[in-house]
N, C-alpha and C. Protein backbone atom coordinates (compact mmCIF):
# COMPACT_ATOMS: atom_id res chain seq x y z
N MET A 1 -55.47 8.00 -119.14
CA MET A 1 -54.48 8.28 -120.16
C MET A 1 -55.12 8.09 -121.53
N LYS A 2 -54.87 9.03 -122.40
CA LYS A 2 -55.44 8.96 -123.75
C LYS A 2 -54.54 8.10 -124.64
N ARG A 3 -55.17 7.24 -125.43
CA ARG A 3 -54.44 6.41 -126.38
C ARG A 3 -54.59 7.03 -127.77
N TYR A 4 -53.48 7.21 -128.45
CA TYR A 4 -53.50 7.78 -129.79
C TYR A 4 -53.44 6.67 -130.82
N ARG A 5 -54.25 6.82 -131.87
CA ARG A 5 -54.26 5.86 -132.96
C ARG A 5 -53.64 6.51 -134.19
N PRO A 6 -53.12 5.70 -135.11
CA PRO A 6 -52.57 6.29 -136.34
C PRO A 6 -53.66 7.02 -137.12
N ASN A 7 -53.25 8.04 -137.82
CA ASN A 7 -54.17 8.83 -138.64
C ASN A 7 -54.76 7.94 -139.73
N THR A 8 -56.07 7.79 -139.73
CA THR A 8 -56.75 6.88 -140.65
C THR A 8 -56.53 7.29 -142.11
N LYS A 9 -56.57 8.58 -142.38
CA LYS A 9 -56.39 9.05 -143.74
C LYS A 9 -54.98 8.71 -144.26
N ALA A 10 -53.98 8.87 -143.42
CA ALA A 10 -52.61 8.56 -143.83
C ALA A 10 -52.43 7.06 -144.05
N VAL A 11 -53.07 6.24 -143.22
CA VAL A 11 -52.99 4.79 -143.39
C VAL A 11 -53.65 4.38 -144.71
N ILE A 12 -54.80 4.95 -145.00
CA ILE A 12 -55.50 4.62 -146.25
C ILE A 12 -54.67 5.04 -147.45
N VAL A 13 -54.07 6.24 -147.40
CA VAL A 13 -53.24 6.71 -148.50
C VAL A 13 -52.05 5.77 -148.71
N GLY A 14 -51.39 5.35 -147.63
CA GLY A 14 -50.26 4.44 -147.74
C GLY A 14 -50.65 3.11 -148.35
N ILE A 15 -51.77 2.55 -147.91
CA ILE A 15 -52.22 1.26 -148.44
C ILE A 15 -52.60 1.39 -149.91
N VAL A 16 -53.28 2.47 -150.27
CA VAL A 16 -53.68 2.68 -151.67
C VAL A 16 -52.45 2.83 -152.56
N LEU A 17 -51.45 3.58 -152.11
CA LEU A 17 -50.23 3.72 -152.90
C LEU A 17 -49.55 2.37 -153.11
N MET A 18 -49.51 1.55 -152.07
CA MET A 18 -48.90 0.23 -152.21
C MET A 18 -49.71 -0.65 -153.17
N LEU A 19 -51.01 -0.59 -153.10
CA LEU A 19 -51.84 -1.39 -154.01
C LEU A 19 -51.68 -0.93 -155.46
N ILE A 20 -51.58 0.38 -155.67
CA ILE A 20 -51.37 0.88 -157.03
C ILE A 20 -50.01 0.42 -157.55
N GLY A 21 -49.00 0.42 -156.68
CA GLY A 21 -47.68 -0.07 -157.08
C GLY A 21 -47.71 -1.55 -157.44
N ILE A 22 -48.40 -2.35 -156.66
CA ILE A 22 -48.53 -3.78 -156.97
C ILE A 22 -49.29 -3.96 -158.28
N LEU A 23 -50.31 -3.14 -158.49
CA LEU A 23 -51.08 -3.21 -159.73
C LEU A 23 -50.20 -2.89 -160.94
N CYS A 24 -49.31 -1.92 -160.80
CA CYS A 24 -48.37 -1.60 -161.89
C CYS A 24 -47.49 -2.81 -162.20
N TRP A 25 -47.01 -3.49 -161.17
CA TRP A 25 -46.18 -4.69 -161.38
C TRP A 25 -46.97 -5.79 -162.07
N VAL A 26 -48.21 -5.99 -161.63
CA VAL A 26 -49.04 -7.05 -162.24
C VAL A 26 -49.32 -6.74 -163.70
N ILE A 27 -49.62 -5.50 -164.02
CA ILE A 27 -49.86 -5.11 -165.40
C ILE A 27 -48.60 -5.32 -166.23
N LYS A 28 -47.46 -4.93 -165.69
CA LYS A 28 -46.20 -5.09 -166.42
C LYS A 28 -45.89 -6.56 -166.64
N ALA A 29 -46.07 -7.39 -165.62
CA ALA A 29 -45.69 -8.80 -165.71
C ALA A 29 -46.68 -9.60 -166.55
N SER A 30 -47.96 -9.32 -166.44
CA SER A 30 -48.97 -10.16 -167.06
C SER A 30 -49.37 -9.72 -168.46
N PHE A 31 -49.62 -8.45 -168.62
CA PHE A 31 -50.24 -7.99 -169.85
C PHE A 31 -49.25 -7.39 -170.85
N ILE A 32 -48.21 -6.75 -170.36
CA ILE A 32 -47.26 -6.09 -171.26
C ILE A 32 -45.84 -6.53 -170.89
N PRO A 33 -45.46 -7.78 -171.17
CA PRO A 33 -44.15 -8.25 -170.72
C PRO A 33 -42.96 -7.56 -171.38
N LYS A 34 -43.10 -7.12 -172.65
CA LYS A 34 -41.94 -6.55 -173.33
C LYS A 34 -42.02 -5.03 -173.48
N GLY A 35 -43.19 -4.44 -173.27
CA GLY A 35 -43.33 -3.00 -173.41
C GLY A 35 -43.59 -2.33 -172.08
N ALA A 36 -43.80 -1.04 -172.11
CA ALA A 36 -44.10 -0.23 -170.93
C ALA A 36 -43.10 -0.47 -169.80
N LEU A 37 -41.84 -0.23 -170.11
CA LEU A 37 -40.77 -0.47 -169.14
C LEU A 37 -40.86 0.45 -167.93
N TYR A 38 -41.56 1.56 -168.07
CA TYR A 38 -41.66 2.52 -166.96
C TYR A 38 -42.54 2.00 -165.82
N LEU A 39 -43.38 0.98 -166.08
CA LEU A 39 -44.29 0.51 -165.03
C LEU A 39 -43.56 -0.16 -163.87
N PHE A 40 -42.45 -0.84 -164.15
CA PHE A 40 -41.72 -1.51 -163.08
C PHE A 40 -41.14 -0.52 -162.07
N PRO A 41 -40.36 0.50 -162.50
CA PRO A 41 -39.84 1.45 -161.52
C PRO A 41 -40.92 2.31 -160.86
N VAL A 42 -41.96 2.64 -161.62
CA VAL A 42 -43.06 3.42 -161.04
C VAL A 42 -43.75 2.60 -159.95
N GLY A 43 -44.00 1.33 -160.22
CA GLY A 43 -44.62 0.46 -159.22
C GLY A 43 -43.76 0.32 -157.98
N LEU A 44 -42.45 0.14 -158.19
CA LEU A 44 -41.53 0.03 -157.05
C LEU A 44 -41.53 1.32 -156.23
N LEU A 45 -41.51 2.45 -156.91
CA LEU A 45 -41.52 3.73 -156.21
C LEU A 45 -42.81 3.91 -155.41
N LEU A 46 -43.94 3.53 -155.99
CA LEU A 46 -45.22 3.67 -155.28
C LEU A 46 -45.28 2.75 -154.06
N ILE A 47 -44.76 1.54 -154.19
CA ILE A 47 -44.73 0.63 -153.04
C ILE A 47 -43.86 1.20 -151.93
N CYS A 48 -42.71 1.73 -152.30
CA CYS A 48 -41.80 2.30 -151.29
C CYS A 48 -42.40 3.53 -150.61
N VAL A 49 -43.01 4.40 -151.38
CA VAL A 49 -43.61 5.61 -150.81
C VAL A 49 -44.78 5.23 -149.89
N GLY A 50 -45.60 4.26 -150.32
CA GLY A 50 -46.71 3.81 -149.47
C GLY A 50 -46.22 3.20 -148.16
N GLY A 51 -45.17 2.39 -148.24
CA GLY A 51 -44.59 1.80 -147.02
C GLY A 51 -43.99 2.85 -146.12
N LEU A 52 -43.33 3.84 -146.72
CA LEU A 52 -42.75 4.94 -145.93
C LEU A 52 -43.85 5.74 -145.23
N GLU A 53 -44.93 5.98 -145.94
CA GLU A 53 -46.09 6.68 -145.35
C GLU A 53 -46.62 5.93 -144.13
N LEU A 54 -46.78 4.62 -144.27
CA LEU A 54 -47.28 3.81 -143.15
C LEU A 54 -46.29 3.80 -141.98
N THR A 55 -45.01 3.73 -142.29
CA THR A 55 -43.98 3.71 -141.23
C THR A 55 -43.97 5.02 -140.47
N ILE A 56 -44.01 6.13 -141.17
CA ILE A 56 -44.00 7.44 -140.51
C ILE A 56 -45.25 7.62 -139.66
N THR A 57 -46.39 7.20 -140.18
CA THR A 57 -47.64 7.31 -139.43
C THR A 57 -47.57 6.47 -138.14
N ALA A 58 -47.01 5.27 -138.26
CA ALA A 58 -46.88 4.42 -137.07
C ALA A 58 -45.94 5.04 -136.04
N PHE A 59 -44.82 5.61 -136.49
CA PHE A 59 -43.89 6.23 -135.56
C PHE A 59 -44.49 7.45 -134.87
N ILE A 60 -45.28 8.23 -135.60
CA ILE A 60 -45.92 9.40 -134.99
C ILE A 60 -46.89 8.96 -133.90
N ALA A 61 -47.71 7.95 -134.19
CA ALA A 61 -48.66 7.45 -133.19
C ALA A 61 -47.92 6.86 -131.99
N MET A 62 -46.83 6.14 -132.25
CA MET A 62 -46.05 5.54 -131.16
C MET A 62 -45.44 6.63 -130.28
N ARG A 63 -44.93 7.69 -130.89
CA ARG A 63 -44.32 8.78 -130.13
C ARG A 63 -45.37 9.50 -129.27
N LYS A 64 -46.56 9.74 -129.84
CA LYS A 64 -47.62 10.38 -129.06
C LYS A 64 -48.02 9.52 -127.87
N ASN A 65 -48.14 8.21 -128.09
CA ASN A 65 -48.48 7.31 -126.98
C ASN A 65 -47.38 7.29 -125.93
N ASP A 66 -46.13 7.35 -126.37
CA ASP A 66 -45.01 7.35 -125.44
C ASP A 66 -45.02 8.62 -124.58
N LEU A 67 -45.28 9.75 -125.20
CA LEU A 67 -45.33 11.01 -124.44
C LEU A 67 -46.50 11.01 -123.47
N ALA A 68 -47.64 10.48 -123.88
CA ALA A 68 -48.80 10.42 -122.99
C ALA A 68 -48.52 9.50 -121.81
N MET A 69 -47.88 8.37 -122.05
CA MET A 69 -47.55 7.44 -120.97
C MET A 69 -46.53 8.06 -120.02
N SER A 70 -45.54 8.79 -120.55
CA SER A 70 -44.55 9.45 -119.70
C SER A 70 -45.21 10.48 -118.79
N GLY A 71 -46.14 11.25 -119.35
CA GLY A 71 -46.86 12.23 -118.53
C GLY A 71 -47.69 11.56 -117.45
N HIS A 72 -48.33 10.47 -117.81
CA HIS A 72 -49.14 9.71 -116.84
C HIS A 72 -48.26 9.16 -115.72
N LEU A 73 -47.10 8.61 -116.07
CA LEU A 73 -46.20 8.06 -115.06
C LEU A 73 -45.62 9.17 -114.17
N ARG A 74 -45.34 10.33 -114.76
CA ARG A 74 -44.86 11.46 -113.96
C ARG A 74 -45.91 11.91 -112.95
N ALA A 75 -47.17 11.92 -113.36
CA ALA A 75 -48.25 12.32 -112.46
C ALA A 75 -48.39 11.31 -111.32
N ILE A 76 -48.28 10.03 -111.62
CA ILE A 76 -48.36 9.00 -110.58
C ILE A 76 -47.19 9.13 -109.61
N GLU A 77 -46.00 9.38 -110.15
CA GLU A 77 -44.81 9.54 -109.31
C GLU A 77 -44.95 10.76 -108.40
N ALA A 78 -45.49 11.85 -108.92
CA ALA A 78 -45.69 13.06 -108.11
C ALA A 78 -46.69 12.79 -106.99
N GLN A 79 -47.75 12.06 -107.27
CA GLN A 79 -48.73 11.72 -106.23
C GLN A 79 -48.08 10.85 -105.16
N ARG A 80 -47.24 9.91 -105.58
CA ARG A 80 -46.58 9.03 -104.62
C ARG A 80 -45.63 9.82 -103.72
N LYS A 81 -44.90 10.77 -104.31
CA LYS A 81 -43.98 11.59 -103.51
C LYS A 81 -44.75 12.48 -102.54
N LYS A 82 -45.88 13.02 -102.96
CA LYS A 82 -46.71 13.83 -102.06
C LYS A 82 -47.19 12.99 -100.88
N ALA A 83 -47.60 11.77 -101.17
CA ALA A 83 -48.08 10.89 -100.11
C ALA A 83 -46.95 10.56 -99.14
N GLU A 84 -45.73 10.34 -99.65
CA GLU A 84 -44.58 10.05 -98.78
C GLU A 84 -44.26 11.25 -97.89
N ILE A 85 -44.27 12.45 -98.47
CA ILE A 85 -43.96 13.66 -97.70
C ILE A 85 -45.02 13.87 -96.62
N LYS A 86 -46.27 13.65 -96.96
CA LYS A 86 -47.34 13.80 -95.99
C LYS A 86 -47.19 12.76 -94.86
N LYS A 87 -46.78 11.57 -95.22
CA LYS A 87 -46.63 10.50 -94.24
C LYS A 87 -45.46 10.80 -93.31
N LYS A 88 -44.36 11.37 -93.84
CA LYS A 88 -43.19 11.68 -93.02
C LYS A 88 -43.46 12.86 -92.08
N SER A 89 -44.29 13.80 -92.50
CA SER A 89 -44.57 14.98 -91.67
C SER A 89 -45.45 14.64 -90.47
N ARG A 90 -46.10 13.53 -90.49
CA ARG A 90 -46.97 13.15 -89.34
C ARG A 90 -46.19 12.67 -88.21
C-alpha cells in the first residue's frame, strides 16, 4: 500500500505565510506601537491563511491515505472470499 505525504510545497507556503504574519505582529508591537495600524489585521490574515493552507494540505493527504487503505482492505477481503469459495468447493 502506498503512503501519501502532504505536498511539501504547500506546507512550506503555509509555514512561510504564518511566519510573515507573526513578523507583522512583532513589527507592529515592538517597533511601531502607535502607527502602521494595517500591520495587525494583515498579520492576522496571513496567519489564518497559512493555517488554512496547512489544514487543507493535511486533509488532502489524509483522504488519499484513507482511499488507499480502503482499496487495500477491499483487495484483502476479495482474496479471503476467493479462498473461502475455493475451500467450500472442495
